Amino acid sequence: MTNYAEATTLNEPPRGHARIVYLGSAAPHWEVYGDYGDQNMLEEFRARTLARLILLPRNDPQFRRNQERVNKDAERERISIEWELGYAVAAEAPAVAPAATPSE
């Protein structure tokens, strides 16, 4: 008996795709759009996601914890997700420009 998931489940294609969009500083803060996949599955995922995020702005410390929970839920349901936070994510952010050299 093993305590890890079978390798075959990791290579299965996603069953759907959802976009999680930050609407702004006034509540409700979030909306979830299902792009493709089973509509019932996406509607249940949307309900669970909004229950975790609806009243949290993106700069709330609880948001990061709940974002991770949403990511795990999507992974478990095999739903690919895309976060639209309204700003560049660290991996997408441009590198810091080198310091300017003093001119003579």
C-alpha atoms as a PDB file:
ATOM      1  CA  MET A   1       0.000   0.000   0.000  1.00  0.00           C
ATOM      2  CA  THR A   2       1.311   3.417  -0.962  1.00  0.00           C
ATOM      3  CA  ASN A   3       0.622   6.840   0.496  1.00  0.00           C
ATOM      4  CA  TYR A   4       0.966   8.803  -2.735  1.00  0.00           C
ATOM      5  CA  ALA A   5      -1.218   9.385  -5.769  1.00  0.00           C
ATOM      6  CA  GLU A   6      -0.804   7.251  -8.851  1.00  0.00           C
ATOM      7  CA  ALA A   7       1.416   8.840 -11.494  1.00  0.00           C
ATOM      8  CA  THR A   8      -1.312   8.385 -14.133  1.00  0.00           C
ATOM      9  CA  THR A   9      -3.567  10.955 -12.446  1.00  0.00           C
ATOM     10  CA  LEU A  10      -0.909  13.642 -12.818  1.00  0.00           C
ATOM     11  CA  ASN A  11      -0.868  13.384 -16.616  1.00  0.00           C
ATOM     12  CA  GLU A  12      -4.616  13.630 -17.191  1.00  0.00           C
ATOM     13  CA  PRO A  13      -5.852  16.728 -19.023  1.00  0.00           C
ATOM     14  CA  PRO A  14      -7.878  19.340 -17.145  1.00  0.00           C
ATOM     15  CA  ARG A  15     -11.644  18.830 -17.039  1.00  0.00           C
ATOM     16  CA  GLY A  16     -12.313  22.557 -17.211  1.00  0.00           C
ATOM     17  CA  HIS A  17     -10.830  26.032 -16.964  1.00  0.00           C
ATOM     18  CA  ALA A  18     -11.782  28.953 -14.739  1.00  0.00           C
ATOM     19  CA  ARG A  19     -10.631  32.564 -14.562  1.00  0.00           C
ATOM     20  CA  ILE A  20     -10.667  34.209 -11.127  1.00  0.00           C
ATOM     21  CA  VAL A  21     -10.821  37.981 -11.571  1.00  0.00           C
ATOM     22  CA  TYR A  22     -10.228  40.706  -8.974  1.00  0.00           C
ATOM     23  CA  LEU A  23     -12.971  43.331  -9.425  1.00  0.00           C
ATOM     24  CA  GLY A  24     -11.565  46.056  -7.197  1.00  0.00           C
ATOM     25  CA  SER A  25     -11.548  47.416  -3.685  1.00  0.00           C
ATOM     26  CA  ALA A  26     -15.353  47.576  -3.305  1.00  0.00           C
ATOM     27  CA  ALA A  27     -17.086  44.331  -2.321  1.00  0.00           C
ATOM     28  CA  PRO A  28     -17.737  41.929  -3.919  1.00  0.00           C
ATOM     29  CA  HIS A  29     -14.053  41.726  -4.721  1.00  0.00           C
ATOM     30  CA  TRP A  30     -14.007  38.621  -6.959  1.00  0.00           C
ATOM     31  CA  GLU A  31     -15.767  36.904  -9.831  1.00  0.00           C
ATOM     32  CA  VAL A  32     -15.164  33.428 -11.254  1.00  0.00           C
ATOM     33  CA  TYR A  33     -15.759  32.740 -14.950  1.00  0.00           C
ATOM     34  CA  GLY A  34     -15.859  29.197 -16.333  1.00  0.00           C
ATOM     35  CA  ASP A  35     -14.280  29.165 -19.796  1.00  0.00           C
ATOM     36  CA  TYR A  36     -14.853  25.517 -20.713  1.00  0.00           C
ATOM     37  CA  GLY A  37     -15.789  22.220 -19.090  1.00  0.00           C
ATOM     38  CA  ASP A  38     -18.814  20.745 -17.355  1.00  0.00           C
ATOM     39  CA  GLN A  39     -20.982  23.679 -16.263  1.00  0.00           C
ATOM     40  CA  ASN A  40     -22.239  21.935 -13.104  1.00  0.00           C
ATOM     41  CA  MET A  41     -18.690  21.174 -11.981  1.00  0.00           C
ATOM     42  CA  LEU A  42     -17.602  24.753 -12.706  1.00  0.00           C
ATOM     43  CA  GLU A  43     -20.626  26.213 -10.885  1.00  0.00           C
ATOM     44  CA  GLU A  44     -19.823  24.136  -7.773  1.00  0.00           C
ATOM     45  CA  PHE A  45     -16.171  25.235  -7.979  1.00  0.00           C
ATOM     46  CA  ARG A  46     -17.311  28.862  -8.385  1.00  0.00           C
ATOM     47  CA  ALA A  47     -19.506  28.618  -5.272  1.00  0.00           C
ATOM     48  CA  ARG A  48     -16.649  27.172  -3.184  1.00  0.00           C
ATOM     49  CA  THR A  49     -14.192  29.770  -4.501  1.00  0.00           C
ATOM     50  CA  LEU A  50     -16.469  32.734  -3.848  1.00  0.00           C
ATOM     51  CA  ALA A  51     -17.196  31.431  -0.352  1.00  0.00           C
ATOM     52  CA  ARG A  52     -13.458  31.717   0.340  1.00  0.00           C
ATOM     53  CA  LEU A  53     -12.750  35.004  -1.446  1.00  0.00           C
ATOM     54  CA  ILE A  54     -15.846  37.198  -1.876  1.00  0.00           C
ATOM     55  CA  LEU A  55     -15.193  39.582   1.035  1.00  0.00           C
ATOM     56  CA  LEU A  56     -11.389  39.519   0.931  1.00  0.00           C
ATOM     57  CA  PRO A  57      -9.436  42.186  -0.951  1.00  0.00           C
ATOM     58  CA  ARG A  58      -6.225  40.947  -2.573  1.00  0.00           C
ATOM     59  CA  ASN A  59      -4.019  42.685   0.025  1.00  0.00           C
ATOM     60  CA  ASP A  60      -5.687  40.967   3.017  1.00  0.00           C
ATOM     61  CA  PRO A  61      -3.359  38.435   4.737  1.00  0.00           C
ATOM     62  CA  GLN A  62      -6.181  35.859   4.694  1.00  0.00           C
ATOM     63  CA  PHE A  63      -6.314  36.111   0.887  1.00  0.00           C
ATOM     64  CA  ARG A  64      -2.969  34.321   0.401  1.00  0.00           C
ATOM     65  CA  ARG A  65      -4.095  31.390   2.563  1.00  0.00           C
ATOM     66  CA  ASN A  66      -7.420  31.126   0.777  1.00  0.00           C
ATOM     67  CA  GLN A  67      -5.767  31.492  -2.626  1.00  0.00           C
ATOM     68  CA  GLU A  68      -3.701  28.398  -1.831  1.00  0.00           C
ATOM     69  CA  ARG A  69      -6.862  26.547  -0.777  1.00  0.00           C
ATOM     70  CA  VAL A  70      -8.529  27.481  -4.077  1.00  0.00           C
ATOM     71  CA  ASN A  71      -5.439  26.275  -5.970  1.00  0.00           C
ATOM     72  CA  LYS A  72      -5.547  22.916  -4.166  1.00  0.00           C
ATOM     73  CA  ASP A  73      -9.287  22.588  -4.797  1.00  0.00           C
ATOM     74  CA  ALA A  74      -8.759  23.259  -8.508  1.00  0.00           C
ATOM     75  CA  GLU A  75      -5.924  20.728  -8.631  1.00  0.00           C
ATOM     76  CA  ARG A  76      -8.072  18.111  -6.917  1.00  0.00           C
ATOM     77  CA  GLU A  77     -10.960  18.735  -9.351  1.00  0.00           C
ATOM     78  CA  ARG A  78      -8.539  18.923 -12.312  1.00  0.00           C
ATOM     79  CA  ILE A  79      -9.610  22.456 -13.209  1.00  0.00           C
ATOM     80  CA  SER A  80      -6.959  24.716 -14.680  1.00  0.00           C
ATOM     81  CA  ILE A  81      -7.215  28.193 -13.216  1.00  0.00           C
ATOM     82  CA  GLU A  82      -5.978  31.623 -14.149  1.00  0.00           C
ATOM     83  CA  TRP A  83      -5.718  34.425 -11.592  1.00  0.00           C
ATOM     84  CA  GLU A  84      -6.281  37.976 -12.832  1.00  0.00           C
ATOM     85  CA  LEU A  85      -5.168  40.027  -9.831  1.00  0.00           C
ATOM     86  CA  GLY A  86      -4.878  43.371 -11.590  1.00  0.00           C
ATOM     87  CA  TYR A  87      -1.084  43.560 -11.232  1.00  0.00           C
ATOM     88  CA  ALA A  88       1.907  41.599 -12.465  1.00  0.00           C
ATOM     89  CA  VAL A  89       2.735  38.483 -10.470  1.00  0.00           C
ATOM     90  CA  ALA A  90       6.334  38.217  -9.190  1.00  0.00           C
ATOM     91  CA  ALA A  91       7.243  35.619 -11.838  1.00  0.00           C
ATOM     92  CA  GLU A  92       5.902  37.897 -14.578  1.00  0.00           C
ATOM     93  CA  ALA A  93       7.218  41.168 -13.144  1.00  0.00           C
ATOM     94  CA  PRO A  94      10.099  42.741 -15.055  1.00  0.00           C
ATOM     95  CA  ALA A  95      13.524  42.585 -13.513  1.00  0.00           C
ATOM     96  CA  VAL A  96      14.846  45.630 -11.710  1.00  0.00           C
ATOM     97  CA  ALA A  97      16.673  47.933 -14.082  1.00  0.00           C
ATOM     98  CA  PRO A  98      20.395  48.211 -13.447  1.00  0.00           C
ATOM     99  CA  ALA A  99      21.603  51.318 -11.693  1.00  0.00           C
ATOM    100  CA  ALA A 100      22.541  54.167 -13.991  1.00  0.00           C
ATOM    101  CA  THR A 101      26.238  54.913 -14.270  1.00  0.00           C
ATOM    102  CA  PRO A 102      27.270  58.457 -13.405  1.00  0.00           C
ATOM    103  CA  SER A 103      28.165  60.513 -16.436  1.00  0.00           C
ATOM    104  CA  GLU A 104      31.414  62.457 -16.527  1.00  0.00           C
END
